[in-house]
């Protein structure tokens, strides 16, 4: 799922369904199902959160790259730094096994 989001951000693949749902929920300020948070499918909410975290981090990193400050971005946000490292590692492993 992480690589699917990265591929989407890099225009190398379609949006994963959980990311599409999460972005729609964000845009419309609504949950996928009627009712409160407890009426939602827990696994779907977890997947959506994961997708949004990866998406937001990769978009912010791309923005930092465009202005020539990727190092500052990674230094200022250790969680983003770890996530970018994970994405790069997974992508490298995919290339080795794909």
Protein backbone atom coordinates (compact mmCIF):
# COMPACT_ATOMS: atom_id res chain seq x y z
CA UNK A 1 0.00 0.00 0.00
CA UNK A 2 2.87 2.39 0.80
CA UNK A 3 4.46 1.85 -2.60
CA UNK A 4 1.10 2.21 -4.34
CA UNK A 5 0.73 5.66 -2.77
CA UNK A 6 4.31 6.54 -3.71
CA UNK A 7 3.67 5.41 -7.29
CA UNK A 8 0.56 7.58 -7.42
CA UNK A 9 2.38 10.63 -6.08
CA UNK A 10 5.12 10.07 -8.66
CA UNK A 11 2.54 9.68 -11.47
CA UNK A 12 3.55 6.05 -11.99
CA UNK A 13 0.29 4.38 -11.04
CA UNK A 14 -3.33 4.84 -10.09
CA UNK A 15 -4.49 6.02 -6.70
CA UNK A 16 -5.02 3.09 -4.34
CA UNK A 17 -8.70 2.80 -3.33
CA UNK A 18 -7.96 3.62 0.33
CA UNK A 19 -6.16 6.82 -0.71
CA UNK A 20 -8.97 7.82 -3.04
CA UNK A 21 -11.48 7.32 -0.24
CA UNK A 22 -9.32 9.22 2.25
CA UNK A 23 -8.83 12.17 -0.10
CA UNK A 24 -12.56 12.27 -0.81
CA UNK A 25 -13.32 12.19 2.92
CA UNK A 26 -10.86 15.02 3.46
CA UNK A 27 -12.29 17.04 0.60
CA UNK A 28 -15.91 16.61 1.67
CA UNK A 29 -15.19 16.58 5.42
CA UNK A 30 -17.16 13.37 5.79
CA UNK A 31 -16.63 9.77 6.82
CA UNK A 32 -17.17 6.89 4.36
CA UNK A 33 -20.19 5.47 6.25
CA UNK A 34 -23.16 7.13 7.94
CA UNK A 35 -22.91 7.93 11.62
CA UNK A 36 -20.01 8.57 13.90
CA UNK A 37 -16.49 7.19 13.89
CA UNK A 38 -17.66 4.02 15.64
CA UNK A 39 -19.88 3.25 12.66
CA UNK A 40 -16.85 2.98 10.36
CA UNK A 41 -14.95 -0.11 9.32
CA UNK A 42 -11.82 -0.03 11.47
CA UNK A 43 -9.52 -1.62 8.88
CA UNK A 44 -10.68 0.82 6.22
CA UNK A 45 -10.01 3.80 8.51
CA UNK A 46 -6.54 2.44 9.32
CA UNK A 47 -5.72 1.98 5.65
CA UNK A 48 -6.99 5.46 4.86
CA UNK A 49 -4.86 6.96 7.65
CA UNK A 50 -1.77 5.12 6.44
CA UNK A 51 -2.36 6.26 2.87
CA UNK A 52 -2.90 9.88 3.94
CA UNK A 53 0.23 9.89 6.09
CA UNK A 54 2.34 8.57 3.22
CA UNK A 55 0.66 10.88 0.69
CA UNK A 56 1.03 14.02 2.82
CA UNK A 57 4.67 13.24 3.61
CA UNK A 58 5.59 12.55 -0.01
CA UNK A 59 3.80 15.68 -1.23
CA UNK A 60 5.59 17.79 1.39
CA UNK A 61 8.93 16.21 0.46
CA UNK A 62 8.33 16.88 -3.24
CA UNK A 63 7.54 20.50 -2.38
CA UNK A 64 10.80 20.73 -0.40
CA UNK A 65 12.68 19.26 -3.35
CA UNK A 66 11.19 21.82 -5.73
CA UNK A 67 12.46 24.68 -3.58
CA UNK A 68 15.84 23.02 -3.09
CA UNK A 69 15.46 22.21 0.60
CA UNK A 70 14.93 18.45 0.91
CA UNK A 71 17.68 18.09 3.51
CA UNK A 72 16.16 20.77 5.71
CA UNK A 73 12.76 19.14 5.43
CA UNK A 74 14.08 15.71 6.43
CA UNK A 75 16.13 17.18 9.26
CA UNK A 76 13.18 19.11 10.64
CA UNK A 77 10.81 16.12 10.65
CA UNK A 78 12.31 12.84 11.90
CA UNK A 79 9.07 10.92 11.24
CA UNK A 80 9.03 12.10 7.62
CA UNK A 81 12.72 11.20 7.32
CA UNK A 82 11.99 7.63 8.51
CA UNK A 83 9.00 7.32 6.20
CA UNK A 84 10.96 8.54 3.16
CA UNK A 85 13.66 6.03 4.07
CA UNK A 86 11.08 3.26 4.28
CA UNK A 87 9.61 4.17 0.90
CA UNK A 88 13.08 4.20 -0.69
CA UNK A 89 13.97 0.85 0.90
CA UNK A 90 10.70 -0.78 -0.18
CA UNK A 91 11.13 0.56 -3.70
CA UNK A 92 14.67 -0.78 -3.86
CA UNK A 93 13.50 -4.19 -2.59
CA UNK A 94 10.72 -4.19 -5.15
CA UNK A 95 13.28 -3.58 -7.87
CA UNK A 96 15.45 -6.42 -6.64
CA UNK A 97 12.58 -8.89 -6.50
CA UNK A 98 10.41 -7.63 -9.33
